[in-house]
Amino acid sequence: MHRVHEGNLRGRLQLPRCGRARGGFLRLLVRGVPVRRLLVVVSLAAVFAGCAPCEPRPNLGLYKQQLVGWHDSGDYERCFAQAARRGEAALDRAIASTQPRQQMAVVFDIDETLLSNWEYLTAKGFGFQVDTFFAWVRTHSDPALAPTKAIYDKARAAGIPIYLISGRVESLRVDTVRQLKAAGLTGWSGLFLKPDNYSQPSIVPFKSGVRRKLTEAGQVIVLNMGDQFSDLEGGYARTAVKLPNPYYYIR
C-alpha cells in the first residue's frame, strides 16, 4: 500500500526556557543577612540552583491563533490541494487500467475530507462537544472541499463505486445524507457510520473492518482518502492518501 503523508506545519512556537539561578543571585541574597538566617538563605538558594531547566510548554491560545493564521493564509488550501493531487493521480492510473471499473472502489472519510467543519471548529475554539456538533450537522451547512469533491466526481463519472466510511455515529445518518446532498455529494454506493454503541478506543477496527468486508466481497479499493491516520490504518487499499488536518486528532 502506498501512503502519502502531509507536510508538517511550519513555524512551531518556540517558548523560553526557565534557566538556573546564577551565583550572583546567592551573593545578592546573602549580603547583609545576619548569620542566624544564613541557613535559611542557603537552603532557599539551593532550591533555585538545583531546579533543572523547564521544558517548553505550548500555549494553547497561541497555538489556536497559529492554526487560524495557517488556514487563512491559504497554506491549508494549498497543502490540501497538493495531497489531493496525489489521490487524483492514483485514480487516473486505476481508470487507465484494464480492470473492470465496477470491481474497483474509492473510499472517502467525510469530515475534513469531503466536507469542511471549519466554521464549527473556529466557533468552538477547536473544541468538540457531542451536542453542539450534532446541532451543527443538522444545519446541513458543511461546504464540500473542492479538491476531493473533484476526485469524487471523477470516480463517479468513471463508473467506479464510491464508499463513505465515517466516524460519525449511526444516529446522524439522516442528517449526514442531507448534508452530503446539499454539498453535491450524491451517487455513492455505500455510507458506513459508526454504531452508536461502539466502544473500541480506536476507530481503526471499524473503518478497516468495513474495507476488509468490501475487499472480501470482490471490490478492489484503488484509493482511500482521509484526514486522520486512523482513516487509513489497517490496510485494504492500493493507495492511501493522508490529507492535512492539524485541528484535531482521532485515534
C-alpha atoms as a PDB file:
ATOM      1  CA  MET A   1       0.000   0.000   0.000  1.00  0.00           C
ATOM      2  CA  HIS A   2       1.291   3.432  -0.914  1.00  0.00           C
ATOM      3  CA  ARG A   3       0.701   6.047   1.774  1.00  0.00           C
ATOM      4  CA  VAL A   4       1.039   9.767   1.316  1.00  0.00           C
ATOM      5  CA  HIS A   5       1.788  11.913   4.358  1.00  0.00           C
ATOM      6  CA  GLU A   6       1.118  15.599   4.548  1.00  0.00           C
ATOM      7  CA  GLY A   7       3.887  18.016   5.498  1.00  0.00           C
ATOM      8  CA  ASN A   8       4.408  19.378   8.987  1.00  0.00           C
ATOM      9  CA  LEU A   9       3.279  22.833   9.987  1.00  0.00           C
ATOM     10  CA  ARG A  10       5.987  25.433   9.656  1.00  0.00           C
ATOM     11  CA  GLY A  11       6.875  27.942  12.351  1.00  0.00           C
ATOM     12  CA  ARG A  12       6.311  25.974  15.519  1.00  0.00           C
ATOM     13  CA  LEU A  13       6.090  28.130  18.636  1.00  0.00           C
ATOM     14  CA  GLN A  14       9.407  28.481  20.448  1.00  0.00           C
ATOM     15  CA  LEU A  15       8.953  29.164  24.140  1.00  0.00           C
ATOM     16  CA  PRO A  16      11.663  30.383  26.529  1.00  0.00           C
ATOM     17  CA  ARG A  17      13.302  28.001  28.943  1.00  0.00           C
ATOM     18  CA  CYS A  18      13.450  28.828  32.638  1.00  0.00           C
ATOM     19  CA  GLY A  19      17.157  28.710  33.466  1.00  0.00           C
ATOM     20  CA  ARG A  20      19.191  28.024  36.574  1.00  0.00           C
ATOM     21  CA  ALA A  21      19.881  30.753  39.138  1.00  0.00           C
ATOM     22  CA  ARG A  22      23.415  32.078  38.994  1.00  0.00           C
ATOM     23  CA  GLY A  23      25.943  32.566  41.783  1.00  0.00           C
ATOM     24  CA  GLY A  24      25.381  36.326  41.719  1.00  0.00           C
ATOM     25  CA  PHE A  25      21.868  35.737  42.977  1.00  0.00           C
ATOM     26  CA  LEU A  26      23.235  33.955  46.072  1.00  0.00           C
ATOM     27  CA  ARG A  27      25.722  36.767  46.763  1.00  0.00           C
ATOM     28  CA  LEU A  28      22.974  39.363  46.466  1.00  0.00           C
ATOM     29  CA  LEU A  29      20.690  37.357  48.718  1.00  0.00           C
ATOM     30  CA  VAL A  30      23.305  36.794  51.418  1.00  0.00           C
ATOM     31  CA  ARG A  31      24.648  40.344  51.506  1.00  0.00           C
ATOM     32  CA  GLY A  32      23.616  41.999  54.776  1.00  0.00           C
ATOM     33  CA  VAL A  33      21.802  38.937  56.129  1.00  0.00           C
ATOM     34  CA  PRO A  34      22.512  38.010  59.783  1.00  0.00           C
ATOM     35  CA  VAL A  35      24.391  34.737  60.308  1.00  0.00           C
ATOM     36  CA  ARG A  36      21.465  33.152  62.138  1.00  0.00           C
ATOM     37  CA  ARG A  37      19.430  33.463  58.927  1.00  0.00           C
ATOM     38  CA  LEU A  38      22.170  32.194  56.656  1.00  0.00           C
ATOM     39  CA  LEU A  39      20.971  28.592  56.769  1.00  0.00           C
ATOM     40  CA  VAL A  40      17.532  29.626  55.533  1.00  0.00           C
ATOM     41  CA  VAL A  41      19.070  31.738  52.777  1.00  0.00           C
ATOM     42  CA  VAL A  42      21.390  28.936  51.649  1.00  0.00           C
ATOM     43  CA  SER A  43      18.501  26.460  51.643  1.00  0.00           C
ATOM     44  CA  LEU A  44      16.395  28.795  49.524  1.00  0.00           C
ATOM     45  CA  ALA A  45      19.260  29.399  47.113  1.00  0.00           C
ATOM     46  CA  ALA A  46      19.808  25.655  46.817  1.00  0.00           C
ATOM     47  CA  VAL A  47      16.230  25.226  45.694  1.00  0.00           C
ATOM     48  CA  PHE A  48      16.726  27.750  42.891  1.00  0.00           C
ATOM     49  CA  ALA A  49      20.179  26.456  41.973  1.00  0.00           C
ATOM     50  CA  GLY A  50      19.031  22.846  41.847  1.00  0.00           C
ATOM     51  CA  CYS A  51      15.988  23.462  39.639  1.00  0.00           C
ATOM     52  CA  ALA A  52      16.523  21.790  36.286  1.00  0.00           C
ATOM     53  CA  PRO A  53      15.617  23.836  33.213  1.00  0.00           C
ATOM     54  CA  CYS A  54      11.928  23.561  32.424  1.00  0.00           C
ATOM     55  CA  GLU A  55      10.945  22.055  29.102  1.00  0.00           C
ATOM     56  CA  PRO A  56       8.953  24.392  26.841  1.00  0.00           C
ATOM     57  CA  ARG A  57       5.209  24.159  27.295  1.00  0.00           C
ATOM     58  CA  PRO A  58       2.854  25.140  24.481  1.00  0.00           C
ATOM     59  CA  ASN A  59       0.418  27.969  24.991  1.00  0.00           C
ATOM     60  CA  LEU A  60      -2.933  26.734  23.734  1.00  0.00           C
ATOM     61  CA  GLY A  61      -4.229  30.186  22.872  1.00  0.00           C
ATOM     62  CA  LEU A  62      -1.192  30.940  20.720  1.00  0.00           C
ATOM     63  CA  TYR A  63      -1.447  27.566  19.006  1.00  0.00           C
ATOM     64  CA  LYS A  64      -5.062  28.291  18.116  1.00  0.00           C
ATOM     65  CA  GLN A  65      -4.042  31.653  16.663  1.00  0.00           C
ATOM     66  CA  GLN A  66      -1.335  29.931  14.654  1.00  0.00           C
ATOM     67  CA  LEU A  67      -3.810  27.410  13.270  1.00  0.00           C
ATOM     68  CA  VAL A  68      -6.207  30.154  12.211  1.00  0.00           C
ATOM     69  CA  GLY A  69      -3.350  32.056  10.590  1.00  0.00           C
ATOM     70  CA  TRP A  70      -2.157  28.937   8.769  1.00  0.00           C
ATOM     71  CA  HIS A  71      -5.658  28.331   7.433  1.00  0.00           C
ATOM     72  CA  ASP A  72      -6.412  31.934   6.496  1.00  0.00           C
ATOM     73  CA  SER A  73      -3.051  32.445   4.780  1.00  0.00           C
ATOM     74  CA  GLY A  74      -4.035  29.892   2.161  1.00  0.00           C
ATOM     75  CA  ASP A  75      -1.457  27.340   3.319  1.00  0.00           C
ATOM     76  CA  TYR A  76      -4.141  24.854   4.361  1.00  0.00           C
ATOM     77  CA  GLU A  77      -5.851  25.095   0.995  1.00  0.00           C
ATOM     78  CA  ARG A  78      -2.558  24.675  -0.864  1.00  0.00           C
ATOM     79  CA  CYS A  79      -1.429  21.685   1.214  1.00  0.00           C
ATOM     80  CA  PHE A  80      -4.842  20.070   0.905  1.00  0.00           C
ATOM     81  CA  ALA A  81      -4.858  20.508  -2.867  1.00  0.00           C
ATOM     82  CA  GLN A  82      -1.322  19.120  -3.116  1.00  0.00           C
ATOM     83  CA  ALA A  83      -2.267  15.958  -1.225  1.00  0.00           C
ATOM     84  CA  ALA A  84      -5.459  15.624  -3.240  1.00  0.00           C
ATOM     85  CA  ARG A  85      -3.494  15.713  -6.494  1.00  0.00           C
ATOM     86  CA  ARG A  86      -1.692  12.556  -5.400  1.00  0.00           C
ATOM     87  CA  GLY A  87      -5.031  10.897  -4.852  1.00  0.00           C
ATOM     88  CA  GLU A  88      -6.260  12.038  -8.247  1.00  0.00           C
ATOM     89  CA  ALA A  89      -3.130  10.598  -9.868  1.00  0.00           C
ATOM     90  CA  ALA A  90      -3.861   7.228  -8.244  1.00  0.00           C
ATOM     91  CA  LEU A  91      -7.428   7.382  -9.515  1.00  0.00           C
ATOM     92  CA  ASP A  92      -6.224   8.243 -13.018  1.00  0.00           C
ATOM     93  CA  ARG A  93      -3.964   5.187 -13.006  1.00  0.00           C
ATOM     94  CA  ALA A  94      -6.861   2.998 -11.987  1.00  0.00           C
ATOM     95  CA  ILE A  95      -9.118   4.446 -14.680  1.00  0.00           C
ATOM     96  CA  ALA A  96      -6.428   3.860 -17.312  1.00  0.00           C
ATOM     97  CA  SER A  97      -6.003   0.215 -16.284  1.00  0.00           C
ATOM     98  CA  THR A  98      -7.811  -2.704 -17.870  1.00  0.00           C
ATOM     99  CA  GLN A  99      -9.520  -3.745 -14.653  1.00  0.00           C
ATOM    100  CA  PRO A 100     -13.336  -3.551 -14.823  1.00  0.00           C
ATOM    101  CA  ARG A 101     -14.376  -0.366 -13.085  1.00  0.00           C
ATOM    102  CA  GLN A 102     -17.296  -1.947 -11.281  1.00  0.00           C
ATOM    103  CA  GLN A 103     -14.763  -4.145  -9.478  1.00  0.00           C
ATOM    104  CA  MET A 104     -12.911  -1.084  -8.230  1.00  0.00           C
ATOM    105  CA  ALA A 105     -13.852   1.111  -5.290  1.00  0.00           C
ATOM    106  CA  VAL A 106     -12.874   4.506  -3.934  1.00  0.00           C
ATOM    107  CA  VAL A 107     -13.242   5.160  -0.199  1.00  0.00           C
ATOM    108  CA  PHE A 108     -13.564   8.566   1.451  1.00  0.00           C
ATOM    109  CA  ASP A 109     -13.852   9.726   5.018  1.00  0.00           C
ATOM    110  CA  ILE A 110     -16.331  12.608   5.398  1.00  0.00           C
ATOM    111  CA  ASP A 111     -15.289  15.290   7.893  1.00  0.00           C
ATOM    112  CA  GLU A 112     -12.282  17.365   6.787  1.00  0.00           C
ATOM    113  CA  THR A 113     -12.018  15.012   3.805  1.00  0.00           C
ATOM    114  CA  LEU A 114     -15.119  15.710   1.722  1.00  0.00           C
ATOM    115  CA  LEU A 115     -16.809  18.257   3.982  1.00  0.00           C
ATOM    116  CA  SER A 116     -15.310  21.169   5.907  1.00  0.00           C
ATOM    117  CA  ASN A 117     -16.274  21.856   9.526  1.00  0.00           C
ATOM    118  CA  TRP A 118     -14.124  24.996   9.696  1.00  0.00           C
ATOM    119  CA  GLU A 119     -16.993  27.236  10.768  1.00  0.00           C
ATOM    120  CA  TYR A 120     -17.875  24.895  13.624  1.00  0.00           C
ATOM    121  CA  LEU A 121     -14.254  24.350  14.673  1.00  0.00           C
ATOM    122  CA  THR A 122     -13.440  28.050  14.936  1.00  0.00           C
ATOM    123  CA  ALA A 123     -16.730  28.884  16.642  1.00  0.00           C
ATOM    124  CA  LYS A 124     -15.922  26.299  19.331  1.00  0.00           C
ATOM    125  CA  GLY A 125     -12.237  27.177  19.681  1.00  0.00           C
ATOM    126  CA  PHE A 126     -11.223  23.836  18.137  1.00  0.00           C
ATOM    127  CA  GLY A 127     -13.057  22.022  20.897  1.00  0.00           C
ATOM    128  CA  PHE A 128     -15.620  19.271  20.376  1.00  0.00           C
ATOM    129  CA  GLN A 129     -18.904  18.735  22.156  1.00  0.00           C
ATOM    130  CA  VAL A 130     -21.264  15.996  21.084  1.00  0.00           C
ATOM    131  CA  ASP A 131     -24.443  18.055  21.418  1.00  0.00           C
ATOM    132  CA  THR A 132     -23.099  21.121  19.604  1.00  0.00           C
ATOM    133  CA  PHE A 133     -21.609  19.005  16.815  1.00  0.00           C
ATOM    134  CA  PHE A 134     -24.898  17.175  16.332  1.00  0.00           C
ATOM    135  CA  ALA A 135     -26.650  20.547  16.147  1.00  0.00           C
ATOM    136  CA  TRP A 136     -24.094  21.727  13.577  1.00  0.00           C
ATOM    137  CA  VAL A 137     -24.596  18.638  11.403  1.00  0.00           C
ATOM    138  CA  ARG A 138     -28.345  19.229  11.472  1.00  0.00           C
ATOM    139  CA  THR A 139     -27.847  22.653   9.894  1.00  0.00           C
ATOM    140  CA  HIS A 140     -26.546  20.874   6.752  1.00  0.00           C
ATOM    141  CA  SER A 141     -24.083  23.764   6.357  1.00  0.00           C
ATOM    142  CA  ASP A 142     -20.800  21.918   5.740  1.00  0.00           C
ATOM    143  CA  PRO A 143     -19.390  23.014   2.377  1.00  0.00           C
ATOM    144  CA  ALA A 144     -17.633  20.490   0.165  1.00  0.00           C
ATOM    145  CA  LEU A 145     -13.841  20.632  -0.087  1.00  0.00           C
ATOM    146  CA  ALA A 146     -13.261  21.312  -3.777  1.00  0.00           C
ATOM    147  CA  PRO A 147     -10.135  19.170  -4.422  1.00  0.00           C
ATOM    148  CA  THR A 148     -11.628  15.969  -3.016  1.00  0.00           C
ATOM    149  CA  LYS A 149     -15.051  16.665  -4.484  1.00  0.00           C
ATOM    150  CA  ALA A 150     -13.370  16.818  -7.899  1.00  0.00           C
ATOM    151  CA  ILE A 151     -11.913  13.341  -7.275  1.00  0.00           C
ATOM    152  CA  TYR A 152     -15.300  12.133  -6.067  1.00  0.00           C
ATOM    153  CA  ASP A 153     -16.950  13.455  -9.226  1.00  0.00           C
ATOM    154  CA  LYS A 154     -14.281  11.916 -11.463  1.00  0.00           C
ATOM    155  CA  ALA A 155     -14.673   8.486  -9.846  1.00  0.00           C
ATOM    156  CA  ARG A 156     -18.429   8.696 -10.172  1.00  0.00           C
ATOM    157  CA  ALA A 157     -18.214   9.764 -13.836  1.00  0.00           C
ATOM    158  CA  ALA A 158     -15.907   6.800 -14.492  1.00  0.00           C
ATOM    159  CA  GLY A 159     -18.451   4.398 -13.030  1.00  0.00           C
ATOM    160  CA  ILE A 160     -16.294   3.437 -10.039  1.00  0.00           C
ATOM    161  CA  PRO A 161     -18.313   2.687  -6.875  1.00  0.00           C
ATOM    162  CA  ILE A 162     -17.764   5.168  -4.035  1.00  0.00           C
ATOM    163  CA  TYR A 163     -17.984   4.235  -0.367  1.00  0.00           C
ATOM    164  CA  LEU A 164     -18.037   6.673   2.535  1.00  0.00           C
ATOM    165  CA  ILE A 165     -16.720   5.404   5.881  1.00  0.00           C
ATOM    166  CA  SER A 166     -17.123   7.883   8.712  1.00  0.00           C
ATOM    167  CA  GLY A 167     -16.628   8.059  12.448  1.00  0.00           C
ATOM    168  CA  ARG A 168     -19.970   9.809  12.718  1.00  0.00           C
ATOM    169  CA  VAL A 169     -22.490   7.762  14.655  1.00  0.00           C
ATOM    170  CA  GLU A 170     -25.391   5.931  13.049  1.00  0.00           C
ATOM    171  CA  SER A 171     -27.957   8.244  14.649  1.00  0.00           C
ATOM    172  CA  LEU A 172     -26.641  11.040  12.391  1.00  0.00           C
ATOM    173  CA  ARG A 173     -27.384   9.099   9.190  1.00  0.00           C
ATOM    174  CA  VAL A 174     -30.438  11.081   8.052  1.00  0.00           C
ATOM    175  CA  ASP A 175     -28.772  14.445   8.593  1.00  0.00           C
ATOM    176  CA  THR A 176     -25.490  13.228   7.105  1.00  0.00           C
ATOM    177  CA  VAL A 177     -27.263  12.135   3.916  1.00  0.00           C
ATOM    178  CA  ARG A 178     -28.976  15.517   3.697  1.00  0.00           C
ATOM    179  CA  GLN A 179     -25.682  17.269   4.339  1.00  0.00           C
ATOM    180  CA  LEU A 180     -23.928  15.302   1.604  1.00  0.00           C
ATOM    181  CA  LYS A 181     -26.747  16.004  -0.830  1.00  0.00           C
ATOM    182  CA  ALA A 182     -26.635  19.732  -0.044  1.00  0.00           C
ATOM    183  CA  ALA A 183     -22.898  19.697  -0.844  1.00  0.00           C
ATOM    184  CA  GLY A 184     -23.453  17.915  -4.158  1.00  0.00           C
ATOM    185  CA  LEU A 185     -22.061  14.572  -2.964  1.00  0.00           C
ATOM    186  CA  THR A 186     -24.555  12.046  -4.260  1.00  0.00           C
ATOM    187  CA  GLY A 187     -24.499   8.726  -6.072  1.00  0.00           C
ATOM    188  CA  TRP A 188     -22.318   6.878  -3.576  1.00  0.00           C
ATOM    189  CA  SER A 189     -22.697   3.109  -3.292  1.00  0.00           C
ATOM    190  CA  GLY A 190     -22.468   2.852   0.485  1.00  0.00           C
ATOM    191  CA  LEU A 191     -22.413   5.021   3.611  1.00  0.00           C
ATOM    192  CA  PHE A 192     -20.943   3.339   6.690  1.00  0.00           C
ATOM    193  CA  LEU A 193     -21.343   5.106  10.039  1.00  0.00           C
ATOM    194  CA  LYS A 194     -20.023   4.063  13.425  1.00  0.00           C
ATOM    195  CA  PRO A 195     -22.552   2.209  15.601  1.00  0.00           C
ATOM    196  CA  ASP A 196     -23.957   4.367  18.406  1.00  0.00           C
ATOM    197  CA  ASN A 197     -22.787   1.793  20.952  1.00  0.00           C
ATOM    198  CA  TYR A 198     -19.251   1.492  19.517  1.00  0.00           C
ATOM    199  CA  SER A 199     -16.905   1.000  22.478  1.00  0.00           C
ATOM    200  CA  GLN A 200     -13.462   0.457  20.936  1.00  0.00           C
ATOM    201  CA  PRO A 201     -10.808   3.036  21.960  1.00  0.00           C
ATOM    202  CA  SER A 202      -9.847   3.475  18.300  1.00  0.00           C
ATOM    203  CA  ILE A 203     -11.885   3.915  15.128  1.00  0.00           C
ATOM    204  CA  VAL A 204      -9.386   1.772  13.187  1.00  0.00           C
ATOM    205  CA  PRO A 205     -11.138  -1.595  13.780  1.00  0.00           C
ATOM    206  CA  PHE A 206     -14.409  -0.184  12.461  1.00  0.00           C
ATOM    207  CA  LYS A 207     -13.003   1.506   9.362  1.00  0.00           C
ATOM    208  CA  SER A 208     -10.535  -1.204   8.402  1.00  0.00           C
ATOM    209  CA  GLY A 209     -13.235  -3.786   9.074  1.00  0.00           C
ATOM    210  CA  VAL A 210     -15.535  -2.147   6.527  1.00  0.00           C
ATOM    211  CA  ARG A 211     -12.734  -2.068   3.959  1.00  0.00           C
ATOM    212  CA  ARG A 212     -11.984  -5.723   4.642  1.00  0.00           C
ATOM    213  CA  LYS A 213     -15.623  -6.660   4.005  1.00  0.00           C
ATOM    214  CA  LEU A 214     -15.645  -4.677   0.758  1.00  0.00           C
ATOM    215  CA  THR A 215     -12.462  -6.452  -0.318  1.00  0.00           C
ATOM    216  CA  GLU A 216     -13.846  -9.862   0.587  1.00  0.00           C
ATOM    217  CA  ALA A 217     -16.935  -9.023  -1.472  1.00  0.00           C
ATOM    218  CA  GLY A 218     -14.718  -8.614  -4.531  1.00  0.00           C
ATOM    219  CA  GLN A 219     -14.111  -4.849  -4.557  1.00  0.00           C
ATOM    220  CA  VAL A 220     -10.556  -3.609  -5.124  1.00  0.00           C
ATOM    221  CA  ILE A 221     -10.114  -0.350  -3.221  1.00  0.00           C
ATOM    222  CA  VAL A 222      -7.893   1.647  -5.557  1.00  0.00           C
ATOM    223  CA  LEU A 223      -7.919   4.770  -3.384  1.00  0.00           C
ATOM    224  CA  ASN A 224      -8.644   5.559   0.267  1.00  0.00           C
ATOM    225  CA  MET A 225      -8.580   9.206   1.373  1.00  0.00           C
ATOM    226  CA  GLY A 226      -8.842  10.616   4.887  1.00  0.00           C
ATOM    227  CA  ASP A 227      -7.620  13.399   7.142  1.00  0.00           C
ATOM    228  CA  GLN A 228      -6.693  11.082  10.038  1.00  0.00           C
ATOM    229  CA  PHE A 229      -4.128   8.295  10.080  1.00  0.00           C
ATOM    230  CA  SER A 230      -6.874   6.173  11.633  1.00  0.00           C
ATOM    231  CA  ASP A 231      -8.807   6.581   8.362  1.00  0.00           C
ATOM    232  CA  LEU A 232      -6.016   4.732   6.582  1.00  0.00           C
ATOM    233  CA  GLU A 233      -4.532   2.260   9.046  1.00  0.00           C
ATOM    234  CA  GLY A 234      -5.393  -1.402   8.751  1.00  0.00           C
ATOM    235  CA  GLY A 235      -4.746  -1.781   5.034  1.00  0.00           C
ATOM    236  CA  TYR A 236      -7.154  -2.944   2.342  1.00  0.00           C
ATOM    237  CA  ALA A 237      -6.362  -0.169  -0.156  1.00  0.00           C
ATOM    238  CA  ARG A 238      -3.902   0.104  -3.025  1.00  0.00           C
ATOM    239  CA  THR A 239      -3.257   3.782  -2.352  1.00  0.00           C
ATOM    240  CA  ALA A 240      -3.995   5.651   0.875  1.00  0.00           C
ATOM    241  CA  VAL A 241      -3.737   9.437   0.913  1.00  0.00           C
ATOM    242  CA  LYS A 242      -3.437  11.390   4.161  1.00  0.00           C
ATOM    243  CA  LEU A 243      -4.966  14.848   3.882  1.00  0.00           C
ATOM    244  CA  PRO A 244      -3.742  17.640   6.183  1.00  0.00           C
ATOM    245  CA  ASN A 245      -5.679  18.293   9.380  1.00  0.00           C
ATOM    246  CA  PRO A 246      -3.795  19.898  12.278  1.00  0.00           C
ATOM    247  CA  TYR A 247      -7.038  20.873  14.012  1.00  0.00           C
ATOM    248  CA  TYR A 248      -7.948  17.655  15.809  1.00  0.00           C
ATOM    249  CA  TYR A 249      -6.849  14.046  16.193  1.00  0.00           C
ATOM    250  CA  ILE A 250      -8.895  10.848  16.166  1.00  0.00           C
ATOM    251  CA  ARG A 251      -7.381   7.536  17.250  1.00  0.00           C
END
